[in-house]
Amino acid sequence: MSKSNGLILGHTEGKASKWRGIKALFDRSIPDKAACQRFLQAFQRKPKLKHLVRLTNAVHTAVFAPSGAGKNVSIVEPFLLTSDESCIVTDIKGENAKLTADFRQEVLGQKII
């Protein structure tokens, strides 16, 4: 999973444009790693890519639902595994910490307490 910012709202599917991939290599506003990823994705055999749609200005998020409604697997875990932002999570059982702490520390380079 690639890292990014903001609350995940869903995803879109689409074919990567080869022209967009080539153009990304010469666009100075795009970080090197992102430009290379765009270029390589444009020439992969898999034509459909899923792009996450994010709400980048979500300052605070609260999720309320009954037990077993899928809060962790549909909202909390995907956000924690893809966001490079700092997070404070009230996690009474410690489930989210067990599932995401090592990844956030090793891959995203964040301090976990």
N, C-alpha and C. Protein backbone atom coordinates (compact mmCIF):
# COMPACT_ATOMS: atom_id res chain seq x y z
N MET A 1 0.85 -1.18 0.00
CA MET A 1 0.00 0.00 0.00
C MET A 1 0.89 1.23 0.00
N SER A 2 0.54 2.17 -0.80
CA SER A 2 1.32 3.40 -0.81
C SER A 2 0.78 4.35 0.24
N LYS A 3 1.65 5.19 0.76
CA LYS A 3 1.20 6.10 1.80
C LYS A 3 0.68 7.39 1.20
N SER A 4 -0.24 8.03 1.92
CA SER A 4 -0.84 9.27 1.49
C SER A 4 -1.52 9.92 2.68
N ASN A 5 -2.20 11.04 2.45
CA ASN A 5 -2.86 11.77 3.53
C ASN A 5 -4.36 11.80 3.34
N GLY A 6 -5.08 11.91 4.44
CA GLY A 6 -6.52 12.12 4.40
C GLY A 6 -7.33 10.88 4.65
N LEU A 7 -8.60 11.11 4.96
CA LEU A 7 -9.56 10.05 5.24
C LEU A 7 -9.95 9.36 3.94
N ILE A 8 -9.91 8.04 3.90
CA ILE A 8 -10.27 7.29 2.70
C ILE A 8 -11.79 7.28 2.55
N LEU A 9 -12.28 7.74 1.41
CA LEU A 9 -13.71 7.75 1.12
C LEU A 9 -14.11 6.58 0.23
N GLY A 10 -13.19 6.07 -0.54
CA GLY A 10 -13.48 4.98 -1.48
C GLY A 10 -12.35 4.87 -2.48
N HIS A 11 -12.65 4.28 -3.65
CA HIS A 11 -11.63 4.18 -4.69
C HIS A 11 -12.27 4.26 -6.07
N THR A 12 -11.45 4.61 -7.02
CA THR A 12 -11.89 4.64 -8.42
C THR A 12 -11.03 3.65 -9.19
N GLU A 13 -11.58 3.13 -10.26
CA GLU A 13 -10.83 2.23 -11.12
C GLU A 13 -10.64 2.91 -12.46
N GLY A 14 -9.49 2.72 -13.04
CA GLY A 14 -9.25 3.32 -14.34
C GLY A 14 -7.97 2.81 -14.95
N LYS A 15 -7.81 3.05 -16.21
CA LYS A 15 -6.61 2.64 -16.92
C LYS A 15 -5.57 3.76 -16.82
N ALA A 16 -4.35 3.38 -16.51
CA ALA A 16 -3.28 4.37 -16.40
C ALA A 16 -2.88 4.84 -17.80
N SER A 17 -2.78 6.14 -17.96
CA SER A 17 -2.40 6.72 -19.24
C SER A 17 -0.88 6.64 -19.43
N LYS A 18 -0.46 6.14 -20.57
CA LYS A 18 0.98 6.07 -20.85
C LYS A 18 1.57 7.47 -20.97
N TRP A 19 0.81 8.37 -21.57
CA TRP A 19 1.27 9.76 -21.71
C TRP A 19 1.43 10.40 -20.33
N ARG A 20 0.49 10.14 -19.42
CA ARG A 20 0.57 10.68 -18.07
C ARG A 20 1.80 10.13 -17.34
N GLY A 21 2.10 8.85 -17.58
CA GLY A 21 3.28 8.24 -16.97
C GLY A 21 4.57 8.86 -17.44
N ILE A 22 4.67 9.12 -18.74
CA ILE A 22 5.88 9.75 -19.30
C ILE A 22 5.98 11.19 -18.82
N LYS A 23 4.86 11.89 -18.83
CA LYS A 23 4.83 13.30 -18.40
C LYS A 23 5.26 13.44 -16.93
N ALA A 24 4.88 12.47 -16.10
CA ALA A 24 5.22 12.52 -14.67
C ALA A 24 6.73 12.53 -14.44
N LEU A 25 7.47 11.85 -15.32
CA LEU A 25 8.93 11.81 -15.16
C LEU A 25 9.58 13.17 -15.29
N PHE A 26 8.94 14.08 -16.03
CA PHE A 26 9.51 15.41 -16.27
C PHE A 26 8.84 16.51 -15.46
N ASP A 27 7.87 16.15 -14.63
CA ASP A 27 7.15 17.13 -13.81
C ASP A 27 7.89 17.30 -12.48
N ARG A 28 8.49 18.47 -12.28
CA ARG A 28 9.29 18.71 -11.07
C ARG A 28 8.44 18.80 -9.80
N SER A 29 7.13 19.00 -9.94
CA SER A 29 6.28 19.11 -8.76
C SER A 29 5.92 17.74 -8.18
N ILE A 30 6.19 16.67 -8.93
CA ILE A 30 5.89 15.31 -8.47
C ILE A 30 7.16 14.70 -7.88
N PRO A 31 7.09 14.18 -6.64
CA PRO A 31 8.27 13.55 -6.04
C PRO A 31 8.80 12.41 -6.91
N ASP A 32 10.10 12.17 -6.85
CA ASP A 32 10.75 11.16 -7.70
C ASP A 32 10.08 9.79 -7.62
N LYS A 33 9.83 9.33 -6.40
CA LYS A 33 9.25 7.99 -6.22
C LYS A 33 7.86 7.91 -6.85
N ALA A 34 7.04 8.94 -6.65
CA ALA A 34 5.68 8.95 -7.21
C ALA A 34 5.73 8.99 -8.74
N ALA A 35 6.67 9.75 -9.30
CA ALA A 35 6.79 9.83 -10.76
C ALA A 35 7.18 8.48 -11.35
N CYS A 36 8.11 7.80 -10.70
CA CYS A 36 8.52 6.47 -11.18
C CYS A 36 7.37 5.47 -11.08
N GLN A 37 6.61 5.54 -9.98
CA GLN A 37 5.46 4.64 -9.83
C GLN A 37 4.43 4.87 -10.92
N ARG A 38 4.14 6.14 -11.22
CA ARG A 38 3.18 6.46 -12.29
C ARG A 38 3.65 5.92 -13.63
N PHE A 39 4.93 6.11 -13.91
CA PHE A 39 5.50 5.64 -15.17
C PHE A 39 5.39 4.13 -15.29
N LEU A 40 5.80 3.41 -14.24
CA LEU A 40 5.77 1.95 -14.29
C LEU A 40 4.34 1.41 -14.34
N GLN A 41 3.40 2.05 -13.63
CA GLN A 41 2.00 1.62 -13.65
C GLN A 41 1.40 1.78 -15.04
N ALA A 42 1.82 2.81 -15.75
CA ALA A 42 1.27 3.07 -17.09
C ALA A 42 1.64 1.97 -18.08
N PHE A 43 2.74 1.27 -17.84
CA PHE A 43 3.18 0.24 -18.77
C PHE A 43 2.99 -1.18 -18.26
N GLN A 44 2.27 -1.34 -17.14
CA GLN A 44 1.97 -2.68 -16.64
C GLN A 44 0.88 -3.31 -17.50
N ARG A 45 0.83 -4.62 -17.50
CA ARG A 45 -0.18 -5.33 -18.29
C ARG A 45 -1.56 -5.25 -17.67
N LYS A 46 -1.63 -5.05 -16.37
CA LYS A 46 -2.93 -4.93 -15.71
C LYS A 46 -3.51 -3.56 -16.04
N PRO A 47 -4.55 -3.49 -16.84
CA PRO A 47 -5.06 -2.20 -17.28
C PRO A 47 -5.83 -1.42 -16.22
N LYS A 48 -6.43 -2.10 -15.24
CA LYS A 48 -7.24 -1.38 -14.27
C LYS A 48 -6.47 -1.16 -12.98
N LEU A 49 -6.43 0.06 -12.55
CA LEU A 49 -5.78 0.43 -11.30
C LEU A 49 -6.83 0.98 -10.35
N LYS A 50 -6.63 0.75 -9.07
CA LYS A 50 -7.52 1.32 -8.07
C LYS A 50 -6.80 2.49 -7.42
N HIS A 51 -7.41 3.64 -7.45
CA HIS A 51 -6.86 4.84 -6.83
C HIS A 51 -7.75 5.21 -5.66
N LEU A 52 -7.14 5.44 -4.49
CA LEU A 52 -7.92 5.83 -3.33
C LEU A 52 -8.40 7.27 -3.46
N VAL A 53 -9.65 7.50 -3.09
CA VAL A 53 -10.21 8.84 -3.05
C VAL A 53 -10.16 9.26 -1.59
N ARG A 54 -9.50 10.39 -1.32
CA ARG A 54 -9.30 10.82 0.06
C ARG A 54 -9.84 12.23 0.30
N LEU A 55 -10.30 12.45 1.51
CA LEU A 55 -10.69 13.78 1.96
C LEU A 55 -9.49 14.32 2.72
N THR A 56 -8.72 15.18 2.07
CA THR A 56 -7.44 15.60 2.64
C THR A 56 -7.54 16.62 3.76
N ASN A 57 -8.68 17.26 3.92
CA ASN A 57 -8.81 18.27 4.97
C ASN A 57 -9.58 17.76 6.18
N ALA A 58 -9.67 16.46 6.37
CA ALA A 58 -10.36 15.89 7.53
C ALA A 58 -9.45 16.02 8.74
N VAL A 59 -9.79 16.94 9.64
CA VAL A 59 -8.94 17.20 10.79
C VAL A 59 -9.18 16.15 11.88
N HIS A 60 -10.45 15.89 12.18
CA HIS A 60 -10.81 14.92 13.21
C HIS A 60 -11.83 13.96 12.63
N THR A 61 -11.74 12.72 13.02
CA THR A 61 -12.69 11.73 12.55
C THR A 61 -13.13 10.88 13.73
N ALA A 62 -14.43 10.68 13.86
CA ALA A 62 -14.98 9.80 14.89
C ALA A 62 -15.83 8.75 14.19
N VAL A 63 -15.68 7.51 14.61
CA VAL A 63 -16.43 6.41 14.00
C VAL A 63 -17.24 5.74 15.10
N PHE A 64 -18.56 5.74 14.95
CA PHE A 64 -19.45 5.11 15.92
C PHE A 64 -20.32 4.10 15.20
N ALA A 65 -20.30 2.87 15.67
CA ALA A 65 -21.14 1.81 15.11
C ALA A 65 -21.13 0.65 16.10
N PRO A 66 -22.15 -0.21 16.04
CA PRO A 66 -22.19 -1.34 16.97
C PRO A 66 -21.06 -2.35 16.71
N SER A 67 -20.85 -3.21 17.67
CA SER A 67 -19.83 -4.26 17.52
C SER A 67 -20.12 -5.10 16.28
N GLY A 68 -19.06 -5.43 15.56
CA GLY A 68 -19.20 -6.28 14.37
C GLY A 68 -19.64 -5.56 13.12
N ALA A 69 -19.72 -4.23 13.16
CA ALA A 69 -20.18 -3.47 11.99
C ALA A 69 -19.07 -3.27 10.95
N GLY A 70 -17.84 -3.55 11.31
CA GLY A 70 -16.73 -3.43 10.35
C GLY A 70 -15.96 -2.13 10.44
N LYS A 71 -15.96 -1.49 11.59
CA LYS A 71 -15.24 -0.22 11.75
C LYS A 71 -13.74 -0.40 11.52
N ASN A 72 -13.17 -1.44 12.12
CA ASN A 72 -11.73 -1.67 11.97
C ASN A 72 -11.34 -1.98 10.54
N VAL A 73 -11.95 -2.98 9.93
CA VAL A 73 -11.50 -3.43 8.61
C VAL A 73 -11.86 -2.47 7.49
N SER A 74 -12.89 -1.65 7.67
CA SER A 74 -13.29 -0.77 6.57
C SER A 74 -12.82 0.67 6.72
N ILE A 75 -12.51 1.11 7.92
CA ILE A 75 -12.12 2.51 8.11
C ILE A 75 -10.78 2.65 8.82
N VAL A 76 -10.66 2.09 10.00
CA VAL A 76 -9.49 2.34 10.84
C VAL A 76 -8.21 1.71 10.27
N GLU A 77 -8.22 0.41 9.99
CA GLU A 77 -7.01 -0.26 9.49
C GLU A 77 -6.52 0.30 8.16
N PRO A 78 -7.39 0.46 7.15
CA PRO A 78 -6.89 1.03 5.89
C PRO A 78 -6.26 2.41 6.08
N PHE A 79 -6.87 3.24 6.94
CA PHE A 79 -6.32 4.56 7.19
C PHE A 79 -4.95 4.46 7.85
N LEU A 80 -4.84 3.64 8.89
CA LEU A 80 -3.57 3.52 9.61
C LEU A 80 -2.47 2.91 8.75
N LEU A 81 -2.82 2.05 7.80
CA LEU A 81 -1.82 1.40 6.95
C LEU A 81 -1.40 2.25 5.74
N THR A 82 -2.16 3.30 5.43
CA THR A 82 -1.82 4.10 4.25
C THR A 82 -1.52 5.55 4.55
N SER A 83 -1.80 6.02 5.74
CA SER A 83 -1.61 7.44 6.06
C SER A 83 -0.24 7.68 6.69
N ASP A 84 0.45 8.70 6.20
CA ASP A 84 1.72 9.06 6.81
C ASP A 84 1.55 10.18 7.82
N GLU A 85 0.31 10.48 8.18
CA GLU A 85 0.01 11.52 9.16
C GLU A 85 0.11 10.96 10.58
N SER A 86 0.32 11.85 11.55
CA SER A 86 0.30 11.44 12.95
C SER A 86 -1.13 11.10 13.34
N CYS A 87 -1.28 10.13 14.23
CA CYS A 87 -2.62 9.69 14.63
C CYS A 87 -2.66 9.44 16.13
N ILE A 88 -3.79 9.75 16.72
CA ILE A 88 -4.08 9.34 18.09
C ILE A 88 -5.32 8.47 17.98
N VAL A 89 -5.19 7.22 18.39
CA VAL A 89 -6.29 6.26 18.26
C VAL A 89 -6.63 5.72 19.64
N THR A 90 -7.90 5.83 20.05
CA THR A 90 -8.36 5.22 21.28
C THR A 90 -8.66 3.76 20.95
N ASP A 91 -7.81 2.89 21.44
CA ASP A 91 -7.87 1.48 21.07
C ASP A 91 -7.85 0.65 22.36
N ILE A 92 -9.02 0.47 22.96
CA ILE A 92 -9.12 -0.18 24.27
C ILE A 92 -8.55 -1.60 24.25
N LYS A 93 -8.89 -2.39 23.25
CA LYS A 93 -8.44 -3.79 23.17
C LYS A 93 -7.02 -3.93 22.62
N GLY A 94 -6.50 -2.91 21.96
CA GLY A 94 -5.16 -2.97 21.39
C GLY A 94 -5.11 -3.65 20.03
N GLU A 95 -6.27 -3.89 19.42
CA GLU A 95 -6.33 -4.58 18.12
C GLU A 95 -5.61 -3.80 17.02
N ASN A 96 -5.87 -2.50 16.95
CA ASN A 96 -5.27 -1.68 15.89
C ASN A 96 -3.76 -1.60 16.05
N ALA A 97 -3.31 -1.51 17.29
CA ALA A 97 -1.87 -1.45 17.54
C ALA A 97 -1.19 -2.74 17.09
N LYS A 98 -1.78 -3.89 17.41
CA LYS A 98 -1.19 -5.18 17.02
C LYS A 98 -1.10 -5.31 15.51
N LEU A 99 -2.13 -4.85 14.81
CA LEU A 99 -2.19 -5.02 13.36
C LEU A 99 -1.34 -4.02 12.58
N THR A 100 -1.16 -2.81 13.10
CA THR A 100 -0.54 -1.76 12.29
C THR A 100 0.74 -1.15 12.84
N ALA A 101 1.05 -1.37 14.11
CA ALA A 101 2.20 -0.68 14.73
C ALA A 101 3.53 -1.00 14.05
N ASP A 102 3.82 -2.27 13.80
CA ASP A 102 5.10 -2.63 13.17
C ASP A 102 5.23 -2.00 11.79
N PHE A 103 4.16 -2.05 11.01
CA PHE A 103 4.18 -1.48 9.66
C PHE A 103 4.41 0.02 9.71
N ARG A 104 3.69 0.72 10.59
CA ARG A 104 3.82 2.17 10.69
C ARG A 104 5.23 2.56 11.14
N GLN A 105 5.82 1.75 12.02
CA GLN A 105 7.16 2.07 12.52
C GLN A 105 8.23 1.76 11.47
N GLU A 106 8.17 0.58 10.86
CA GLU A 106 9.22 0.15 9.93
C GLU A 106 9.09 0.79 8.55
N VAL A 107 7.89 0.81 8.00
CA VAL A 107 7.70 1.30 6.63
C VAL A 107 7.49 2.81 6.59
N LEU A 108 6.64 3.32 7.48
CA LEU A 108 6.32 4.74 7.46
C LEU A 108 7.28 5.56 8.32
N GLY A 109 8.13 4.90 9.12
CA GLY A 109 9.13 5.60 9.92
C GLY A 109 8.55 6.41 11.05
N GLN A 110 7.45 5.96 11.63
CA GLN A 110 6.80 6.71 12.70
C GLN A 110 7.12 6.12 14.07
N LYS A 111 7.05 6.96 15.08
CA LYS A 111 7.29 6.52 16.45
C LYS A 111 5.97 6.03 17.02
N ILE A 112 5.96 4.83 17.55
CA ILE A 112 4.75 4.23 18.12
C ILE A 112 4.94 4.16 19.63
N ILE A 113 3.94 4.69 20.38
CA ILE A 113 4.02 4.63 21.85
C ILE A 113 2.82 3.91 22.41
